[in-house]
C-alpha atoms as a PDB file:
ATOM      1  CA  MET A   1     271.350 261.327 140.710  1.00  0.00           C
ATOM      2  CA  LYS A   2     270.267 260.917 137.618  1.00  0.00           C
ATOM      3  CA  CYS A   3     272.673 258.364 136.707  1.00  0.00           C
ATOM      4  CA  GLN A   4     271.488 255.823 139.895  1.00  0.00           C
ATOM      5  CA  PHE A   5     268.050 256.225 138.926  1.00  0.00           C
ATOM      6  CA  LEU A   6     269.133 255.082 135.628  1.00  0.00           C
ATOM      7  CA  THR A   7     271.084 252.174 136.813  1.00  0.00           C
ATOM      8  CA  ALA A   8     268.351 251.119 138.815  1.00  0.00           C
ATOM      9  CA  ILE A   9     265.771 250.865 136.654  1.00  0.00           C
ATOM     10  CA  LEU A  10     268.096 248.941 133.793  1.00  0.00           C
ATOM     11  CA  PHE A  11     268.900 246.422 137.529  1.00  0.00           C
ATOM     12  CA  CYS A  12     265.619 246.039 137.528  1.00  0.00           C
ATOM     13  CA  SER A  13     264.080 245.060 133.839  1.00  0.00           C
ATOM     14  CA  PHE A  14     266.929 242.624 133.272  1.00  0.00           C
ATOM     15  CA  ALA A  15     265.939 241.323 136.615  1.00  0.00           C
ATOM     16  CA  PHE A  16     262.468 241.207 135.841  1.00  0.00           C
ATOM     17  CA  SER A  17     262.935 239.778 132.296  1.00  0.00           C
ATOM     18  CA  VAL A  18     266.054 237.489 133.666  1.00  0.00           C
ATOM     19  CA  SER A  19     262.607 235.713 135.940  1.00  0.00           C
ATOM     20  CA  ALA A  20     260.009 236.014 133.062  1.00  0.00           C
ATOM     21  CA  LEU A  21     259.184 232.722 131.868  1.00  0.00           C
ATOM     22  CA  GLU A  22     258.593 232.158 127.976  1.00  0.00           C
ATOM     23  CA  ASP A  23     255.271 232.568 127.625  1.00  0.00           C
ATOM     24  CA  SER A  24     255.281 229.886 125.186  1.00  0.00           C
ATOM     25  CA  LYS A  25     251.833 227.126 124.950  1.00  0.00           C
ATOM     26  CA  ASP A  26     254.394 224.464 126.899  1.00  0.00           C
ATOM     27  CA  ASN A  27     254.884 226.776 129.231  1.00  0.00           C
ATOM     28  CA  ARG A  28     251.023 227.550 130.158  1.00  0.00           C
ATOM     29  CA  LYS A  29     250.210 223.549 129.580  1.00  0.00           C
ATOM     30  CA  TYR A  30     253.088 222.805 132.225  1.00  0.00           C
ATOM     31  CA  GLN A  31     252.360 226.160 134.331  1.00  0.00           C
ATOM     32  CA  ALA A  32     248.044 225.293 134.263  1.00  0.00           C
ATOM     33  CA  LYS A  33     249.236 221.878 135.165  1.00  0.00           C
ATOM     34  CA  ARG A  34     250.520 222.804 137.821  1.00  0.00           C
ATOM     35  CA  TYR A  35     248.208 224.992 139.546  1.00  0.00           C
ATOM     36  CA  MET A  36     244.923 222.517 138.555  1.00  0.00           C
ATOM     37  CA  ALA A  37     247.505 219.976 140.587  1.00  0.00           C
ATOM     38  CA  SER A  38     247.318 222.182 143.527  1.00  0.00           C
ATOM     39  CA  GLN A  39     243.590 222.193 143.572  1.00  0.00           C
ATOM     40  CA  SER A  40     242.054 218.871 143.337  1.00  0.00           C
ATOM     41  CA  SER A  41     239.249 218.932 141.771  1.00  0.00           C
ATOM     42  CA  GLU A  42     237.541 216.427 143.088  1.00  0.00           C
ATOM     43  CA  GLU A  43     237.519 217.867 146.930  1.00  0.00           C
ATOM     44  CA  MET A  44     235.797 221.485 145.074  1.00  0.00           C
ATOM     45  CA  LEU A  45     233.341 219.310 144.109  1.00  0.00           C
ATOM     46  CA  LYS A  46     233.003 217.564 146.907  1.00  0.00           C
ATOM     47  CA  ASP A  47     232.722 220.682 148.822  1.00  0.00           C
ATOM     48  CA  MET A  48     230.260 222.435 146.227  1.00  0.00           C
ATOM     49  CA  ALA A  49     228.086 219.240 146.678  1.00  0.00           C
ATOM     50  CA  GLU A  50     227.827 219.246 150.435  1.00  0.00           C
ATOM     51  CA  ASN A  51     227.930 222.917 150.882  1.00  0.00           C
ATOM     52  CA  MET A  52     224.902 223.574 148.186  1.00  0.00           C
ATOM     53  CA  SER A  53     223.274 221.072 149.437  1.00  0.00           C
ATOM     54  CA  MET A  54     222.091 222.837 152.274  1.00  0.00           C
ATOM     55  CA  ASN A  55     220.047 225.361 150.755  1.00  0.00           C
ATOM     56  CA  LEU A  56     217.509 222.709 149.187  1.00  0.00           C
ATOM     57  CA  PRO A  57     214.635 221.638 151.427  1.00  0.00           C
ATOM     58  CA  PRO A  58     216.285 218.061 153.851  1.00  0.00           C
ATOM     59  CA  GLU A  59     215.002 215.622 151.169  1.00  0.00           C
ATOM     60  CA  GLN A  60     216.614 216.821 148.039  1.00  0.00           C
ATOM     61  CA  ARG A  61     220.149 217.603 149.404  1.00  0.00           C
ATOM     62  CA  LYS A  62     221.248 213.721 149.396  1.00  0.00           C
ATOM     63  CA  ASP A  63     219.805 213.132 145.701  1.00  0.00           C
ATOM     64  CA  PHE A  64     221.275 216.441 145.056  1.00  0.00           C
ATOM     65  CA  ARG A  65     224.456 215.291 145.817  1.00  0.00           C
ATOM     66  CA  VAL A  66     224.629 212.078 144.733  1.00  0.00           C
ATOM     67  CA  MET A  67     223.808 213.887 141.317  1.00  0.00           C
ATOM     68  CA  LEU A  68     226.676 216.202 141.571  1.00  0.00           C
ATOM     69  CA  LEU A  69     229.058 213.263 142.600  1.00  0.00           C
ATOM     70  CA  ASN A  70     228.207 210.484 140.698  1.00  0.00           C
ATOM     71  CA  TYR A  71     227.330 211.942 136.936  1.00  0.00           C
ATOM     72  CA  VAL A  72     229.504 215.181 136.648  1.00  0.00           C
ATOM     73  CA  ASP A  73     232.495 214.359 134.135  1.00  0.00           C
ATOM     74  CA  ILE A  74     235.961 215.874 136.997  1.00  0.00           C
ATOM     75  CA  SER A  75     237.880 215.073 134.136  1.00  0.00           C
ATOM     76  CA  ALA A  76     235.488 216.721 131.754  1.00  0.00           C
ATOM     77  CA  ILE A  77     235.701 219.526 133.321  1.00  0.00           C
ATOM     78  CA  ASP A  78     239.439 219.441 133.966  1.00  0.00           C
ATOM     79  CA  GLU A  79     240.463 219.215 130.049  1.00  0.00           C
ATOM     80  CA  VAL A  80     237.531 222.424 129.322  1.00  0.00           C
ATOM     81  CA  SER A  81     239.564 223.837 132.274  1.00  0.00           C
ATOM     82  CA  GLN A  82     243.254 223.315 131.599  1.00  0.00           C
ATOM     83  CA  GLY A  83     242.729 225.269 127.638  1.00  0.00           C
ATOM     84  CA  ALA A  84     240.883 228.161 129.535  1.00  0.00           C
ATOM     85  CA  LEU A  85     244.100 228.399 131.685  1.00  0.00           C
ATOM     86  CA  VAL A  86     246.331 227.766 128.546  1.00  0.00           C
ATOM     87  CA  LYS A  87     243.749 230.238 126.311  1.00  0.00           C
ATOM     88  CA  TYR A  88     243.746 233.168 128.840  1.00  0.00           C
ATOM     89  CA  PHE A  89     246.582 232.916 131.112  1.00  0.00           C
ATOM     90  CA  THR A  90     250.193 233.873 130.876  1.00  0.00           C
ATOM     91  CA  ALA A  91     252.365 231.214 131.713  1.00  0.00           C
ATOM     92  CA  ASP A  92     254.089 233.991 134.337  1.00  0.00           C
ATOM     93  CA  GLU A  93     250.313 234.404 135.813  1.00  0.00           C
ATOM     94  CA  LEU A  94     249.918 230.530 136.182  1.00  0.00           C
ATOM     95  CA  ALA A  95     253.257 230.095 137.697  1.00  0.00           C
ATOM     96  CA  SER A  96     251.973 232.634 140.491  1.00  0.00           C
ATOM     97  CA  LEU A  97     248.923 230.984 140.718  1.00  0.00           C
ATOM     98  CA  ALA A  98     250.223 227.874 140.863  1.00  0.00           C
ATOM     99  CA  ASP A  99     252.997 228.871 143.916  1.00  0.00           C
ATOM    100  CA  TYR A 100     250.300 230.618 145.276  1.00  0.00           C
ATOM    101  CA  TYR A 101     247.790 228.280 145.326  1.00  0.00           C
ATOM    102  CA  SER A 102     250.445 225.694 146.855  1.00  0.00           C
ATOM    103  CA  THR A 103     251.061 227.340 149.859  1.00  0.00           C
ATOM    104  CA  PRO A 104     249.259 226.157 153.674  1.00  0.00           C
ATOM    105  CA  LEU A 105     247.868 229.773 153.323  1.00  0.00           C
ATOM    106  CA  ALA A 106     245.940 229.469 150.066  1.00  0.00           C
ATOM    107  CA  LYS A 107     244.920 225.479 150.620  1.00  0.00           C
ATOM    108  CA  SER A 108     243.151 226.756 154.308  1.00  0.00           C
ATOM    109  CA  ALA A 109     241.350 229.871 152.016  1.00  0.00           C
ATOM    110  CA  THR A 110     240.199 227.461 149.640  1.00  0.00           C
ATOM    111  CA  LYS A 111     238.705 224.796 151.925  1.00  0.00           C
ATOM    112  CA  LYS A 112     236.519 227.952 153.416  1.00  0.00           C
ATOM    113  CA  MET A 113     235.373 229.169 149.407  1.00  0.00           C
ATOM    114  CA  GLY A 114     232.939 226.097 149.397  1.00  0.00           C
ATOM    115  CA  SER A 115     230.832 228.196 152.222  1.00  0.00           C
ATOM    116  CA  TYR A 116     231.615 231.220 151.198  1.00  0.00           C
ATOM    117  CA  MET A 117     230.275 230.481 148.014  1.00  0.00           C
ATOM    118  CA  ALA A 118     227.209 228.635 149.043  1.00  0.00           C
ATOM    119  CA  GLU A 119     226.112 231.824 151.331  1.00  0.00           C
ATOM    120  CA  LEU A 120     226.276 234.087 148.751  1.00  0.00           C
ATOM    121  CA  MET A 121     224.910 232.290 145.915  1.00  0.00           C
ATOM    122  CA  PRO A 122     221.282 232.375 146.680  1.00  0.00           C
ATOM    123  CA  SER A 123     221.858 236.416 147.555  1.00  0.00           C
ATOM    124  CA  ILE A 124     223.363 236.254 143.941  1.00  0.00           C
ATOM    125  CA  GLN A 125     220.621 234.150 142.457  1.00  0.00           C
ATOM    126  CA  ALA A 126     217.312 236.351 144.277  1.00  0.00           C
ATOM    127  CA  GLU A 127     219.742 239.780 142.460  1.00  0.00           C
ATOM    128  CA  ILE A 128     219.175 238.071 138.982  1.00  0.00           C
ATOM    129  CA  PHE A 129     215.789 237.216 139.464  1.00  0.00           C
ATOM    130  CA  LYS A 130     214.828 240.878 140.849  1.00  0.00           C
ATOM    131  CA  ALA A 131     217.290 242.577 137.909  1.00  0.00           C
ATOM    132  CA  PHE A 132     215.483 240.801 135.589  1.00  0.00           C
ATOM    133  CA  GLY A 133     211.850 241.528 136.631  1.00  0.00           C
ATOM    134  CA  GLU A 134     212.455 244.789 136.235  1.00  0.00           C
ATOM    135  CA  MET A 135     213.748 244.884 133.336  1.00  0.00           C
ATOM    136  CA  GLU A 136     210.391 242.790 132.181  1.00  0.00           C
ATOM    137  CA  LYS A 137     208.368 245.780 133.983  1.00  0.00           C
ATOM    138  CA  VAL A 138     210.324 248.366 132.167  1.00  0.00           C
ATOM    139  CA  LYS A 139     209.749 246.293 129.203  1.00  0.00           C
ATOM    140  CA  ALA A 140     205.937 246.339 129.168  1.00  0.00           C
ATOM    141  CA  GLU A 141     206.088 250.143 130.447  1.00  0.00           C
ATOM    142  CA  ARG A 142     207.510 251.095 126.951  1.00  0.00           C
ATOM    143  CA  ASN A 143     205.143 248.255 125.293  1.00  0.00           C
ATOM    144  CA  ARG A 144     202.023 250.316 127.436  1.00  0.00           C
ATOM    145  CA  ALA A 145     203.250 253.586 125.780  1.00  0.00           C
ATOM    146  CA  LEU A 146     203.469 252.123 122.282  1.00  0.00           C
ATOM    147  CA  SER A 147     200.402 252.675 119.712  1.00  0.00           C
ATOM    148  CA  ASP A 148     198.662 249.235 118.491  1.00  0.00           C
ATOM    149  CA  VAL A 149     199.961 248.224 114.964  1.00  0.00           C
ATOM    150  CA  ASP A 150     195.874 248.403 113.367  1.00  0.00           C
ATOM    151  CA  GLU A 151     195.508 252.424 114.667  1.00  0.00           C
END
């Protein structure tokens, strides 16, 4: 039994090491490009512009969409994005992301992400402002408890 268990471990470690990509900078760059090809920055920006604009008053929506779609430099964002992907993820992780986001199911889920984030963002912002207010209140209470310097 012990021999079978060790054989299984040895087989698995060999199988996994064979399938692992060399984690070189070139492999990371290649896999990052594959991942980014599965995620259209332009489509994501259009979706974000449409969904986020719905949180604004109707008279401000068109200008917001125009600003995002005409003045945001997508290539600059893509360049920073690719650099960050290469910096923080291994070649295997990037390959896995690229494989997943290339599937029809992931593409369908990605299309819904803009609506999800647009609905979630006002709540996140409200909670952050609330937390900031609470923090300021605690600071003020602490300051009131301190004596003046002149005393």
